Amino acid sequence: MALPVIDLRSDTVSRPTDAMRAVMAAAEVGDDTWGDDPTVQRLEAVLAERLDKAAAMFVPSGTQSNLCALMAHCARGEEYIVGQEAHTYKYEGGGAAVLGSIQPQPIEMAADGSLDPARIASVIKVDDPHFAMTKLLCLENTHNGRVQPMAAQLAAIEVGRAAGLTTHLDGARIFNAAVATGVPVADLAAPYDSVSVCLSKGLGAPMGSVLVGDEALIGRARRARKMLGGGLRQAGLVAAAGLHALDHHVDRLADDHARARRLHDGLGSLDGVDVVDDMLETNMVFVSFGERGPALQAELAEVGMECRLSTGVSRLVTHLDVTDAAVDAFVAAVAERI
């Protein structure tokens, strides 16, 4: 089966560049489970420094990174507060409950992805044997491509801190947030006890995430990683890709954001297409083709253009494999078929 010419399903579909493949092939490796892979150690040190945390741990996926964090923050039978639509609650297979014996307490999210501080306060459990003790507050930045205002984050965190909660940020696309706002990534990470950063989305590495936090928390997370099957051997091969991405693919996220705007404007000019204006902040465009969506998806796939379209609002994502010409070609293909 031929690879798609244009793929807007997610920024996870990007492929390693030739330069990234070269550094992977040349990577110095060891056994990461034994703690002696020098390239993994370098990647962890770089991420810890950039986010101004004491320690870091490389893991195969963002899902595992978040779960290791939850298990490092919470013991069995304890609870974390999280948004109803957050990745750590809705899209990670229920791992916190199934594998960590940690109870999620989901609450409603505002349209912009923020959590209401009053609602957070209302679900924090007191120390009573009837309840799972609330230990952790989880937030997400970006959420659906939208950058979370720092004031909203701090308001939520203040409520949690007052109740003795620790904090975790699912920062899978935190570098998108940093590039979009011009705020240093360390400042975005500063209010949190732990942050998960994905290397295989906008940064374009083939796999991997890094969890950062203090040394004690990362020590507990390493134990969880081993239990979850995340102990790796010669992981320097993929850690090298992450280092290359951090050196070469951060500033260029601005190109993805600009192309998302180009895609948004192009689709918005077509009759029968409704774009959601207030959700475009980074590399995600939200659009509705109405009842035409599923059939349009199939027709576009026939000409090598992959996307995921429903009868409701659908998401299109730009990334390092999407050029200006690709955006224009996609808009033209939609225009011919809508």
C-alpha atoms as a PDB file:
ATOM      1  CA  MET A   1       0.000   0.000   0.000  1.00  0.00           C
ATOM      2  CA  ALA A   2       1.440   3.370  -1.055  1.00  0.00           C
ATOM      3  CA  LEU A   3       2.065   6.040   1.533  1.00  0.00           C
ATOM      4  CA  PRO A   4      -0.385   8.946   1.359  1.00  0.00           C
ATOM      5  CA  VAL A   5       0.698  12.015  -0.565  1.00  0.00           C
ATOM      6  CA  ILE A   6      -0.811  14.282   2.096  1.00  0.00           C
ATOM      7  CA  ASP A   7      -1.707  13.100   5.590  1.00  0.00           C
ATOM      8  CA  LEU A   8      -3.600  15.440   7.899  1.00  0.00           C
ATOM      9  CA  ARG A   9      -4.860  12.846  10.391  1.00  0.00           C
ATOM     10  CA  SER A  10      -2.376  13.868  13.109  1.00  0.00           C
ATOM     11  CA  ASP A  11       1.127  15.195  13.660  1.00  0.00           C
ATOM     12  CA  THR A  12       1.987  11.675  14.862  1.00  0.00           C
ATOM     13  CA  VAL A  13       2.167  10.490  11.228  1.00  0.00           C
ATOM     14  CA  SER A  14       5.293  12.504  10.346  1.00  0.00           C
ATOM     15  CA  ARG A  15       8.300  10.488   9.236  1.00  0.00           C
ATOM     16  CA  PRO A  16      11.945  10.934  10.273  1.00  0.00           C
ATOM     17  CA  THR A  17      13.918  13.264   8.049  1.00  0.00           C
ATOM     18  CA  ASP A  18      17.074  12.046   6.347  1.00  0.00           C
ATOM     19  CA  ALA A  19      19.144  14.062   8.815  1.00  0.00           C
ATOM     20  CA  MET A  20      17.308  12.457  11.735  1.00  0.00           C
ATOM     21  CA  ARG A  21      17.873   8.982  10.309  1.00  0.00           C
ATOM     22  CA  ALA A  22      21.580   9.729  10.011  1.00  0.00           C
ATOM     23  CA  VAL A  23      21.971  10.685  13.670  1.00  0.00           C
ATOM     24  CA  MET A  24      19.957   7.628  14.686  1.00  0.00           C
ATOM     25  CA  ALA A  25      22.290   5.367  12.716  1.00  0.00           C
ATOM     26  CA  ALA A  26      25.320   6.948  14.345  1.00  0.00           C
ATOM     27  CA  ALA A  27      23.952   7.014  17.902  1.00  0.00           C
ATOM     28  CA  GLU A  28      26.096   5.768  20.761  1.00  0.00           C
ATOM     29  CA  VAL A  29      24.068   3.232  22.725  1.00  0.00           C
ATOM     30  CA  GLY A  30      24.096   1.201  25.925  1.00  0.00           C
ATOM     31  CA  ASP A  31      21.458  -0.579  27.976  1.00  0.00           C
ATOM     32  CA  ASP A  32      18.965   1.966  29.253  1.00  0.00           C
ATOM     33  CA  THR A  33      17.380  -0.427  31.766  1.00  0.00           C
ATOM     34  CA  TRP A  34      20.793  -0.622  33.390  1.00  0.00           C
ATOM     35  CA  GLY A  35      21.059   3.157  33.107  1.00  0.00           C
ATOM     36  CA  ASP A  36      24.088   3.187  30.843  1.00  0.00           C
ATOM     37  CA  ASP A  37      22.807   4.387  27.470  1.00  0.00           C
ATOM     38  CA  PRO A  38      24.676   7.681  27.027  1.00  0.00           C
ATOM     39  CA  THR A  39      22.338   9.061  24.351  1.00  0.00           C
ATOM     40  CA  VAL A  40      19.268   8.468  26.519  1.00  0.00           C
ATOM     41  CA  GLN A  41      21.066  10.101  29.427  1.00  0.00           C
ATOM     42  CA  ARG A  42      21.868  13.111  27.264  1.00  0.00           C
ATOM     43  CA  LEU A  43      18.264  13.417  26.061  1.00  0.00           C
ATOM     44  CA  GLU A  44      16.976  13.250  29.639  1.00  0.00           C
ATOM     45  CA  ALA A  45      19.490  15.859  30.776  1.00  0.00           C
ATOM     46  CA  VAL A  46      18.591  18.202  27.912  1.00  0.00           C
ATOM     47  CA  LEU A  47      14.833  17.999  28.574  1.00  0.00           C
ATOM     48  CA  ALA A  48      15.291  18.420  32.312  1.00  0.00           C
ATOM     49  CA  GLU A  49      17.406  21.517  31.721  1.00  0.00           C
ATOM     50  CA  ARG A  50      15.044  23.033  29.148  1.00  0.00           C
ATOM     51  CA  LEU A  51      12.036  22.620  31.412  1.00  0.00           C
ATOM     52  CA  ASP A  52      14.070  23.582  34.499  1.00  0.00           C
ATOM     53  CA  LYS A  53      13.400  20.364  36.385  1.00  0.00           C
ATOM     54  CA  ALA A  54      15.830  18.234  38.345  1.00  0.00           C
ATOM     55  CA  ALA A  55      15.390  14.921  36.530  1.00  0.00           C
ATOM     56  CA  ALA A  56      13.819  13.246  33.512  1.00  0.00           C
ATOM     57  CA  MET A  57      12.919   9.791  32.191  1.00  0.00           C
ATOM     58  CA  PHE A  58      12.599   8.622  28.583  1.00  0.00           C
ATOM     59  CA  VAL A  59       9.637   6.345  27.806  1.00  0.00           C
ATOM     60  CA  PRO A  60       8.267   4.782  24.618  1.00  0.00           C
ATOM     61  CA  SER A  61       5.008   6.751  24.479  1.00  0.00           C
ATOM     62  CA  GLY A  62       3.062   9.673  25.868  1.00  0.00           C
ATOM     63  CA  THR A  63       0.453   7.320  27.274  1.00  0.00           C
ATOM     64  CA  GLN A  64       3.104   5.503  29.284  1.00  0.00           C
ATOM     65  CA  SER A  65       4.670   8.781  30.374  1.00  0.00           C
ATOM     66  CA  ASN A  66       1.366  10.042  31.759  1.00  0.00           C
ATOM     67  CA  LEU A  67       0.625   6.739  33.458  1.00  0.00           C
ATOM     68  CA  CYS A  68       4.076   6.602  35.057  1.00  0.00           C
ATOM     69  CA  ALA A  69       3.448  10.119  36.333  1.00  0.00           C
ATOM     70  CA  LEU A  70       0.059   9.200  37.782  1.00  0.00           C
ATOM     71  CA  MET A  71       1.546   6.158  39.501  1.00  0.00           C
ATOM     72  CA  ALA A  72       4.405   8.257  40.867  1.00  0.00           C
ATOM     73  CA  HIS A  73       2.005  10.834  42.298  1.00  0.00           C
ATOM     74  CA  CYS A  74      -0.755   8.522  43.546  1.00  0.00           C
ATOM     75  CA  ALA A  75      -0.874   5.257  45.492  1.00  0.00           C
ATOM     76  CA  ARG A  76      -3.472   2.548  44.939  1.00  0.00           C
ATOM     77  CA  GLY A  77      -6.933   3.749  45.848  1.00  0.00           C
ATOM     78  CA  GLU A  78      -6.058   7.431  45.580  1.00  0.00           C
ATOM     79  CA  GLU A  79      -7.537   9.873  43.119  1.00  0.00           C
ATOM     80  CA  TYR A  80      -6.623  12.435  40.479  1.00  0.00           C
ATOM     81  CA  ILE A  81      -8.788  15.279  39.170  1.00  0.00           C
ATOM     82  CA  VAL A  82      -8.800  15.631  35.402  1.00  0.00           C
ATOM     83  CA  GLY A  83     -10.831  17.175  32.595  1.00  0.00           C
ATOM     84  CA  GLN A  84     -13.603  15.084  31.059  1.00  0.00           C
ATOM     85  CA  GLU A  85     -12.051  15.454  27.572  1.00  0.00           C
ATOM     86  CA  ALA A  86      -8.409  15.315  28.678  1.00  0.00           C
ATOM     87  CA  HIS A  87      -6.100  12.788  27.078  1.00  0.00           C
ATOM     88  CA  THR A  88      -5.031  11.359  30.438  1.00  0.00           C
ATOM     89  CA  TYR A  89      -8.648  10.455  31.160  1.00  0.00           C
ATOM     90  CA  LYS A  90     -10.421   9.780  27.869  1.00  0.00           C
ATOM     91  CA  TYR A  91      -7.811   8.499  25.443  1.00  0.00           C
ATOM     92  CA  GLU A  92      -5.403   6.328  27.412  1.00  0.00           C
ATOM     93  CA  GLY A  93      -7.401   3.127  27.765  1.00  0.00           C
ATOM     94  CA  GLY A  94      -8.340   3.673  31.398  1.00  0.00           C
ATOM     95  CA  GLY A  95      -4.782   2.799  32.383  1.00  0.00           C
ATOM     96  CA  ALA A  96      -4.822   4.786  35.608  1.00  0.00           C
ATOM     97  CA  ALA A  97      -7.691   2.684  36.942  1.00  0.00           C
ATOM     98  CA  VAL A  98      -6.841  -0.625  35.267  1.00  0.00           C
ATOM     99  CA  LEU A  99      -3.099  -0.701  35.868  1.00  0.00           C
ATOM    100  CA  GLY A 100      -2.506   1.911  38.554  1.00  0.00           C
ATOM    101  CA  SER A 101      -5.591   1.284  40.740  1.00  0.00           C
ATOM    102  CA  ILE A 102      -5.968   5.069  40.727  1.00  0.00           C
ATOM    103  CA  GLN A 103      -9.443   6.570  40.594  1.00  0.00           C
ATOM    104  CA  PRO A 104     -10.022   9.389  38.099  1.00  0.00           C
ATOM    105  CA  GLN A 105     -12.344  12.201  39.097  1.00  0.00           C
ATOM    106  CA  PRO A 106     -13.273  13.782  35.759  1.00  0.00           C
ATOM    107  CA  ILE A 107     -14.896  17.217  35.663  1.00  0.00           C
ATOM    108  CA  GLU A 108     -16.273  19.340  32.868  1.00  0.00           C
ATOM    109  CA  MET A 109     -13.829  21.262  30.693  1.00  0.00           C
ATOM    110  CA  ALA A 110     -14.553  24.700  29.291  1.00  0.00           C
ATOM    111  CA  ALA A 111     -14.535  25.051  25.519  1.00  0.00           C
ATOM    112  CA  ASP A 112     -10.953  26.316  25.671  1.00  0.00           C
ATOM    113  CA  GLY A 113      -9.800  23.299  27.693  1.00  0.00           C
ATOM    114  CA  SER A 114      -9.550  24.992  31.073  1.00  0.00           C
ATOM    115  CA  LEU A 115     -10.987  23.743  34.370  1.00  0.00           C
ATOM    116  CA  ASP A 116     -13.161  25.861  36.643  1.00  0.00           C
ATOM    117  CA  PRO A 117     -11.351  26.365  39.977  1.00  0.00           C
ATOM    118  CA  ALA A 118     -14.653  26.275  41.876  1.00  0.00           C
ATOM    119  CA  ARG A 119     -15.522  22.954  40.259  1.00  0.00           C
ATOM    120  CA  ILE A 120     -12.100  21.583  41.179  1.00  0.00           C
ATOM    121  CA  ALA A 121     -12.634  22.622  44.786  1.00  0.00           C
ATOM    122  CA  SER A 122     -16.047  20.979  44.866  1.00  0.00           C
ATOM    123  CA  VAL A 123     -14.727  17.495  44.046  1.00  0.00           C
ATOM    124  CA  ILE A 124     -11.654  17.391  46.298  1.00  0.00           C
ATOM    125  CA  LYS A 125     -12.264  14.641  48.843  1.00  0.00           C
ATOM    126  CA  VAL A 126     -11.575  15.047  52.522  1.00  0.00           C
ATOM    127  CA  ASP A 127      -9.582  12.456  54.423  1.00  0.00           C
ATOM    128  CA  ASP A 128     -12.433  10.049  55.081  1.00  0.00           C
ATOM    129  CA  PRO A 129     -12.411   6.240  54.616  1.00  0.00           C
ATOM    130  CA  HIS A 130     -15.564   6.524  52.510  1.00  0.00           C
ATOM    131  CA  PHE A 131     -13.649   8.291  49.749  1.00  0.00           C
ATOM    132  CA  ALA A 132     -10.635   7.804  47.548  1.00  0.00           C
ATOM    133  CA  MET A 133      -8.243  10.495  48.760  1.00  0.00           C
ATOM    134  CA  THR A 134      -7.608  13.207  46.199  1.00  0.00           C
ATOM    135  CA  LYS A 135      -3.883  13.553  45.588  1.00  0.00           C
ATOM    136  CA  LEU A 136      -3.291  15.038  42.155  1.00  0.00           C
ATOM    137  CA  LEU A 137      -4.553  17.642  39.697  1.00  0.00           C
ATOM    138  CA  CYS A 138      -3.884  16.973  35.997  1.00  0.00           C
ATOM    139  CA  LEU A 139      -4.029  19.679  33.350  1.00  0.00           C
ATOM    140  CA  GLU A 140      -3.198  19.699  29.640  1.00  0.00           C
ATOM    141  CA  ASN A 141      -1.415  22.215  27.385  1.00  0.00           C
ATOM    142  CA  THR A 142      -2.163  22.406  24.509  1.00  0.00           C
ATOM    143  CA  HIS A 143      -5.697  20.999  24.431  1.00  0.00           C
ATOM    144  CA  ASN A 144      -7.196  20.506  20.958  1.00  0.00           C
ATOM    145  CA  GLY A 145      -4.431  22.743  19.719  1.00  0.00           C
ATOM    146  CA  ARG A 146      -5.408  25.579  22.029  1.00  0.00           C
ATOM    147  CA  VAL A 147      -2.855  27.145  24.349  1.00  0.00           C
ATOM    148  CA  GLN A 148      -4.019  27.265  27.950  1.00  0.00           C
ATOM    149  CA  PRO A 149      -3.778  30.781  29.402  1.00  0.00           C
ATOM    150  CA  MET A 150      -1.341  30.838  32.270  1.00  0.00           C
ATOM    151  CA  ALA A 151      -3.799  32.755  34.456  1.00  0.00           C
ATOM    152  CA  ALA A 152      -6.344  29.954  34.098  1.00  0.00           C
ATOM    153  CA  GLN A 153      -3.727  27.310  34.872  1.00  0.00           C
ATOM    154  CA  LEU A 154      -2.518  29.150  37.953  1.00  0.00           C
ATOM    155  CA  ALA A 155      -6.065  29.654  39.229  1.00  0.00           C
ATOM    156  CA  ALA A 156      -6.704  25.912  38.988  1.00  0.00           C
ATOM    157  CA  ILE A 157      -3.342  25.040  40.531  1.00  0.00           C
ATOM    158  CA  GLU A 158      -3.889  27.450  43.441  1.00  0.00           C
ATOM    159  CA  VAL A 159      -7.021  25.552  44.444  1.00  0.00           C
ATOM    160  CA  GLY A 160      -5.179  22.260  44.240  1.00  0.00           C
ATOM    161  CA  ARG A 161      -2.184  23.482  46.202  1.00  0.00           C
ATOM    162  CA  ALA A 162      -4.411  24.826  48.958  1.00  0.00           C
ATOM    163  CA  ALA A 163      -5.773  21.308  49.386  1.00  0.00           C
ATOM    164  CA  GLY A 164      -2.309  19.736  49.334  1.00  0.00           C
ATOM    165  CA  LEU A 165      -2.537  18.322  45.807  1.00  0.00           C
ATOM    166  CA  THR A 166       0.437  17.818  43.538  1.00  0.00           C
ATOM    167  CA  THR A 167       0.219  18.740  39.856  1.00  0.00           C
ATOM    168  CA  HIS A 168       0.929  17.032  36.546  1.00  0.00           C
ATOM    169  CA  LEU A 169       0.836  18.581  33.071  1.00  0.00           C
ATOM    170  CA  ASP A 170       0.184  16.533  29.978  1.00  0.00           C
ATOM    171  CA  GLY A 171       2.442  18.753  27.896  1.00  0.00           C
ATOM    172  CA  ALA A 172       2.575  16.510  24.852  1.00  0.00           C
ATOM    173  CA  ARG A 173       2.576  19.617  22.649  1.00  0.00           C
ATOM    174  CA  ILE A 174       4.056  22.079  25.141  1.00  0.00           C
ATOM    175  CA  PHE A 175       6.607  23.232  22.565  1.00  0.00           C
ATOM    176  CA  ASN A 176       3.745  24.221  20.266  1.00  0.00           C
ATOM    177  CA  ALA A 177       2.415  26.337  23.126  1.00  0.00           C
ATOM    178  CA  ALA A 178       5.835  27.900  23.692  1.00  0.00           C
ATOM    179  CA  VAL A 179       6.332  28.754  20.024  1.00  0.00           C
ATOM    180  CA  ALA A 180       2.794  30.102  19.647  1.00  0.00           C
ATOM    181  CA  THR A 181       3.066  32.406  22.662  1.00  0.00           C
ATOM    182  CA  GLY A 182       6.758  33.218  22.738  1.00  0.00           C
ATOM    183  CA  VAL A 183       6.819  32.133  26.388  1.00  0.00           C
ATOM    184  CA  PRO A 184       9.880  30.020  27.296  1.00  0.00           C
ATOM    185  CA  VAL A 185       8.972  26.374  27.728  1.00  0.00           C
ATOM    186  CA  ALA A 186      10.494  26.370  31.226  1.00  0.00           C
ATOM    187  CA  ASP A 187       8.042  29.079  32.259  1.00  0.00           C
ATOM    188  CA  LEU A 188       5.129  27.011  30.959  1.00  0.00           C
ATOM    189  CA  ALA A 189       6.383  24.021  32.962  1.00  0.00           C
ATOM    190  CA  ALA A 190       7.262  25.943  36.124  1.00  0.00           C
ATOM    191  CA  PRO A 191       3.950  25.588  38.039  1.00  0.00           C
ATOM    192  CA  TYR A 192       3.902  21.789  37.738  1.00  0.00           C
ATOM    193  CA  ASP A 193       5.514  19.008  39.747  1.00  0.00           C
ATOM    194  CA  SER A 194       5.765  16.860  36.630  1.00  0.00           C
ATOM    195  CA  VAL A 195       5.396  17.409  32.891  1.00  0.00           C
ATOM    196  CA  SER A 196       5.143  14.901  30.056  1.00  0.00           C
ATOM    197  CA  VAL A 197       6.628  16.012  26.720  1.00  0.00           C
ATOM    198  CA  CYS A 198       6.037  14.115  23.478  1.00  0.00           C
ATOM    199  CA  LEU A 199       8.800  13.820  20.896  1.00  0.00           C
ATOM    200  CA  SER A 200       6.785  12.038  18.191  1.00  0.00           C
ATOM    201  CA  LYS A 201       4.114  14.657  17.457  1.00  0.00           C
ATOM    202  CA  GLY A 202       5.103  18.110  16.228  1.00  0.00           C
ATOM    203  CA  LEU A 203       8.786  17.473  16.937  1.00  0.00           C
ATOM    204  CA  GLY A 204       8.752  14.630  14.434  1.00  0.00           C
ATOM    205  CA  ALA A 205      10.711  11.859  16.174  1.00  0.00           C
ATOM    206  CA  PRO A 206       9.554   8.308  15.379  1.00  0.00           C
ATOM    207  CA  MET A 207       8.701   7.527  19.006  1.00  0.00           C
ATOM    208  CA  GLY A 208       9.176   8.541  22.598  1.00  0.00           C
ATOM    209  CA  SER A 209       8.172  10.930  25.341  1.00  0.00           C
ATOM    210  CA  VAL A 210      10.056  12.317  28.318  1.00  0.00           C
ATOM    211  CA  LEU A 211       8.676  12.816  31.819  1.00  0.00           C
ATOM    212  CA  VAL A 212      10.346  15.535  33.902  1.00  0.00           C
ATOM    213  CA  GLY A 213      10.078  16.314  37.602  1.00  0.00           C
ATOM    214  CA  ASP A 214      12.106  16.194  40.794  1.00  0.00           C
ATOM    215  CA  GLU A 215      14.480  13.327  41.489  1.00  0.00           C
ATOM    216  CA  ALA A 216      12.211  11.527  43.948  1.00  0.00           C
ATOM    217  CA  LEU A 217       9.214  11.584  41.610  1.00  0.00           C
ATOM    218  CA  ILE A 218      11.265  10.407  38.625  1.00  0.00           C
ATOM    219  CA  GLY A 219      12.678   7.630  40.797  1.00  0.00           C
ATOM    220  CA  ARG A 220       9.144   6.392  41.524  1.00  0.00           C
ATOM    221  CA  ALA A 221       8.248   6.796  37.860  1.00  0.00           C
ATOM    222  CA  ARG A 222      11.181   4.587  36.840  1.00  0.00           C
ATOM    223  CA  ARG A 223       9.823   1.802  39.020  1.00  0.00           C
ATOM    224  CA  ALA A 224       6.418   2.233  37.382  1.00  0.00           C
ATOM    225  CA  ARG A 225       8.007   2.232  33.923  1.00  0.00           C
ATOM    226  CA  LYS A 226       9.623  -1.126  34.615  1.00  0.00           C
ATOM    227  CA  MET A 227       6.326  -2.618  35.828  1.00  0.00           C
ATOM    228  CA  LEU A 228       4.578  -1.297  32.720  1.00  0.00           C
ATOM    229  CA  GLY A 229       7.062  -2.918  30.356  1.00  0.00           C
ATOM    230  CA  GLY A 230       8.802   0.309  29.439  1.00  0.00           C
ATOM    231  CA  GLY A 231      12.332  -0.724  30.344  1.00  0.00           C
ATOM    232  CA  LEU A 232      14.365  -0.323  27.157  1.00  0.00           C
ATOM    233  CA  ARG A 233      17.714  -1.603  26.037  1.00  0.00           C
ATOM    234  CA  GLN A 234      19.629   0.194  23.262  1.00  0.00           C
ATOM    235  CA  ALA A 235      17.172   3.085  23.255  1.00  0.00           C
ATOM    236  CA  GLY A 236      19.834   5.562  22.204  1.00  0.00           C
ATOM    237  CA  LEU A 237      18.824   4.874  18.618  1.00  0.00           C
ATOM    238  CA  VAL A 238      15.503   6.622  19.170  1.00  0.00           C
ATOM    239  CA  ALA A 239      16.734   9.037  21.843  1.00  0.00           C
ATOM    240  CA  ALA A 240      19.093  10.420  19.192  1.00  0.00           C
ATOM    241  CA  ALA A 241      16.064  11.268  17.086  1.00  0.00           C
ATOM    242  CA  GLY A 242      14.603  13.165  20.026  1.00  0.00           C
ATOM    243  CA  LEU A 243      17.806  15.147  20.497  1.00  0.00           C
ATOM    244  CA  HIS A 244      17.872  15.998  16.809  1.00  0.00           C
ATOM    245  CA  ALA A 245      14.252  17.130  17.003  1.00  0.00           C
ATOM    246  CA  LEU A 246      14.980  19.388  19.968  1.00  0.00           C
ATOM    247  CA  ASP A 247      17.890  20.949  18.097  1.00  0.00           C
ATOM    248  CA  HIS A 248      16.184  21.352  14.714  1.00  0.00           C
ATOM    249  CA  HIS A 249      12.399  21.009  14.925  1.00  0.00           C
ATOM    250  CA  VAL A 250      11.254  23.359  17.685  1.00  0.00           C
ATOM    251  CA  ASP A 251      11.445  26.761  16.008  1.00  0.00           C
ATOM    252  CA  ARG A 252       9.986  25.314  12.804  1.00  0.00           C
ATOM    253  CA  LEU A 253       6.735  24.549  14.653  1.00  0.00           C
ATOM    254  CA  ALA A 254       5.864  28.110  13.649  1.00  0.00           C
ATOM    255  CA  ASP A 255       5.708  26.829  10.061  1.00  0.00           C
ATOM    256  CA  ASP A 256       3.103  24.247  11.087  1.00  0.00           C
ATOM    257  CA  HIS A 257       1.067  26.968  12.760  1.00  0.00           C
ATOM    258  CA  ALA A 258       1.264  29.174   9.664  1.00  0.00           C
ATOM    259  CA  ARG A 259       0.190  26.282   7.452  1.00  0.00           C
ATOM    260  CA  ALA A 260      -2.734  25.549   9.736  1.00  0.00           C
ATOM    261  CA  ARG A 261      -3.812  29.172   9.200  1.00  0.00           C
ATOM    262  CA  ARG A 262      -3.366  28.713   5.430  1.00  0.00           C
ATOM    263  CA  LEU A 263      -5.490  25.554   5.561  1.00  0.00           C
ATOM    264  CA  HIS A 264      -8.113  27.229   7.728  1.00  0.00           C
ATOM    265  CA  ASP A 265      -8.403  30.212   5.395  1.00  0.00           C
ATOM    266  CA  GLY A 266      -8.438  28.079   2.269  1.00  0.00           C
ATOM    267  CA  LEU A 267     -11.184  25.778   3.494  1.00  0.00           C
ATOM    268  CA  GLY A 268     -13.079  28.707   4.962  1.00  0.00           C
ATOM    269  CA  SER A 269     -13.362  30.252   1.507  1.00  0.00           C
ATOM    270  CA  LEU A 270     -15.328  27.268   0.178  1.00  0.00           C
ATOM    271  CA  ASP A 271     -19.107  26.992   0.150  1.00  0.00           C
ATOM    272  CA  GLY A 272     -20.397  24.084   2.208  1.00  0.00           C
ATOM    273  CA  VAL A 273     -17.437  24.131   4.596  1.00  0.00           C
ATOM    274  CA  ASP A 274     -17.639  25.531   8.126  1.00  0.00           C
ATOM    275  CA  VAL A 275     -14.365  26.221   9.910  1.00  0.00           C
ATOM    276  CA  VAL A 276     -14.222  26.857  13.647  1.00  0.00           C
ATOM    277  CA  ASP A 277     -12.447  30.195  13.974  1.00  0.00           C
ATOM    278  CA  ASP A 278     -11.829  30.326  17.711  1.00  0.00           C
ATOM    279  CA  MET A 279     -10.018  26.964  17.931  1.00  0.00           C
ATOM    280  CA  LEU A 280      -7.120  27.824  15.621  1.00  0.00           C
ATOM    281  CA  GLU A 281      -4.090  28.648  17.771  1.00  0.00           C
ATOM    282  CA  THR A 282      -1.371  26.190  16.802  1.00  0.00           C
ATOM    283  CA  ASN A 283      -1.341  23.345  14.257  1.00  0.00           C
ATOM    284  CA  MET A 284      -4.936  22.080  14.403  1.00  0.00           C
ATOM    285  CA  VAL A 285      -7.825  23.145  12.204  1.00  0.00           C
ATOM    286  CA  PHE A 286     -11.368  22.204  13.192  1.00  0.00           C
ATOM    287  CA  VAL A 287     -13.848  22.051  10.362  1.00  0.00           C
ATOM    288  CA  SER A 288     -17.230  20.591   9.447  1.00  0.00           C
ATOM    289  CA  PHE A 289     -18.268  19.240   6.058  1.00  0.00           C
ATOM    290  CA  GLY A 290     -21.677  18.186   7.370  1.00  0.00           C
ATOM    291  CA  GLU A 291     -23.169  14.959   6.075  1.00  0.00           C
ATOM    292  CA  ARG A 292     -20.610  15.017   3.260  1.00  0.00           C
ATOM    293  CA  GLY A 293     -17.718  14.288   5.641  1.00  0.00           C
ATOM    294  CA  PRO A 294     -17.368  10.478   5.586  1.00  0.00           C
ATOM    295  CA  ALA A 295     -17.838  10.205   1.811  1.00  0.00           C
ATOM    296  CA  LEU A 296     -15.395  13.070   1.248  1.00  0.00           C
ATOM    297  CA  GLN A 297     -12.815  11.283   3.396  1.00  0.00           C
ATOM    298  CA  ALA A 298     -13.084   8.185   1.190  1.00  0.00           C
ATOM    299  CA  GLU A 299     -12.838  10.227  -2.016  1.00  0.00           C
ATOM    300  CA  LEU A 300      -9.775  12.106  -0.821  1.00  0.00           C
ATOM    301  CA  ALA A 301      -8.110   8.828   0.204  1.00  0.00           C
ATOM    302  CA  GLU A 302      -8.440   7.637  -3.388  1.00  0.00           C
ATOM    303  CA  VAL A 303      -6.090  10.427  -4.473  1.00  0.00           C
ATOM    304  CA  GLY A 304      -3.620   9.910  -1.615  1.00  0.00           C
ATOM    305  CA  MET A 305      -4.968  12.475   0.830  1.00  0.00           C
ATOM    306  CA  GLU A 306      -5.599  11.068   4.295  1.00  0.00           C
ATOM    307  CA  CYS A 307      -7.819  12.711   6.897  1.00  0.00           C
ATOM    308  CA  ARG A 308     -10.466  11.718   9.398  1.00  0.00           C
ATOM    309  CA  LEU A 309     -13.825  13.320   8.658  1.00  0.00           C
ATOM    310  CA  SER A 310     -17.153  12.803  10.391  1.00  0.00           C
ATOM    311  CA  THR A 311     -20.565  14.368  10.027  1.00  0.00           C
ATOM    312  CA  GLY A 312     -19.667  16.689  12.910  1.00  0.00           C
ATOM    313  CA  VAL A 313     -16.585  18.787  13.606  1.00  0.00           C
ATOM    314  CA  SER A 314     -13.379  17.129  12.386  1.00  0.00           C
ATOM    315  CA  ARG A 315      -9.718  17.845  13.092  1.00  0.00           C
ATOM    316  CA  LEU A 316      -6.999  18.411  10.488  1.00  0.00           C
ATOM    317  CA  VAL A 317      -3.407  18.636  11.725  1.00  0.00           C
ATOM    318  CA  THR A 318      -0.348  20.146  10.043  1.00  0.00           C
ATOM    319  CA  HIS A 319       3.173  18.867  10.688  1.00  0.00           C
ATOM    320  CA  LEU A 320       6.667  18.780   9.244  1.00  0.00           C
ATOM    321  CA  ASP A 321       5.638  16.615   6.261  1.00  0.00           C
ATOM    322  CA  VAL A 322       2.955  19.118   5.206  1.00  0.00           C
ATOM    323  CA  THR A 323       4.153  21.889   2.870  1.00  0.00           C
ATOM    324  CA  ASP A 324       2.423  24.997   1.566  1.00  0.00           C
ATOM    325  CA  ALA A 325       1.906  23.189  -1.732  1.00  0.00           C
ATOM    326  CA  ALA A 326       0.328  20.251   0.100  1.00  0.00           C
ATOM    327  CA  VAL A 327      -2.106  22.561   1.883  1.00  0.00           C
ATOM    328  CA  ASP A 328      -3.085  24.201  -1.390  1.00  0.00           C
ATOM    329  CA  ALA A 329      -3.504  20.832  -3.081  1.00  0.00           C
ATOM    330  CA  PHE A 330      -5.741  19.600  -0.283  1.00  0.00           C
ATOM    331  CA  VAL A 331      -7.937  22.696  -0.438  1.00  0.00           C
ATOM    332  CA  ALA A 332      -8.186  22.347  -4.198  1.00  0.00           C
ATOM    333  CA  ALA A 333      -9.124  18.679  -3.906  1.00  0.00           C
ATOM    334  CA  VAL A 334     -11.851  19.513  -1.408  1.00  0.00           C
ATOM    335  CA  ALA A 335     -13.125  22.311  -3.637  1.00  0.00           C
ATOM    336  CA  GLU A 336     -13.503  19.884  -6.526  1.00  0.00           C
ATOM    337  CA  ARG A 337     -15.553  17.466  -4.434  1.00  0.00           C
ATOM    338  CA  ILE A 338     -17.578  19.458  -1.957  1.00  0.00           C
END
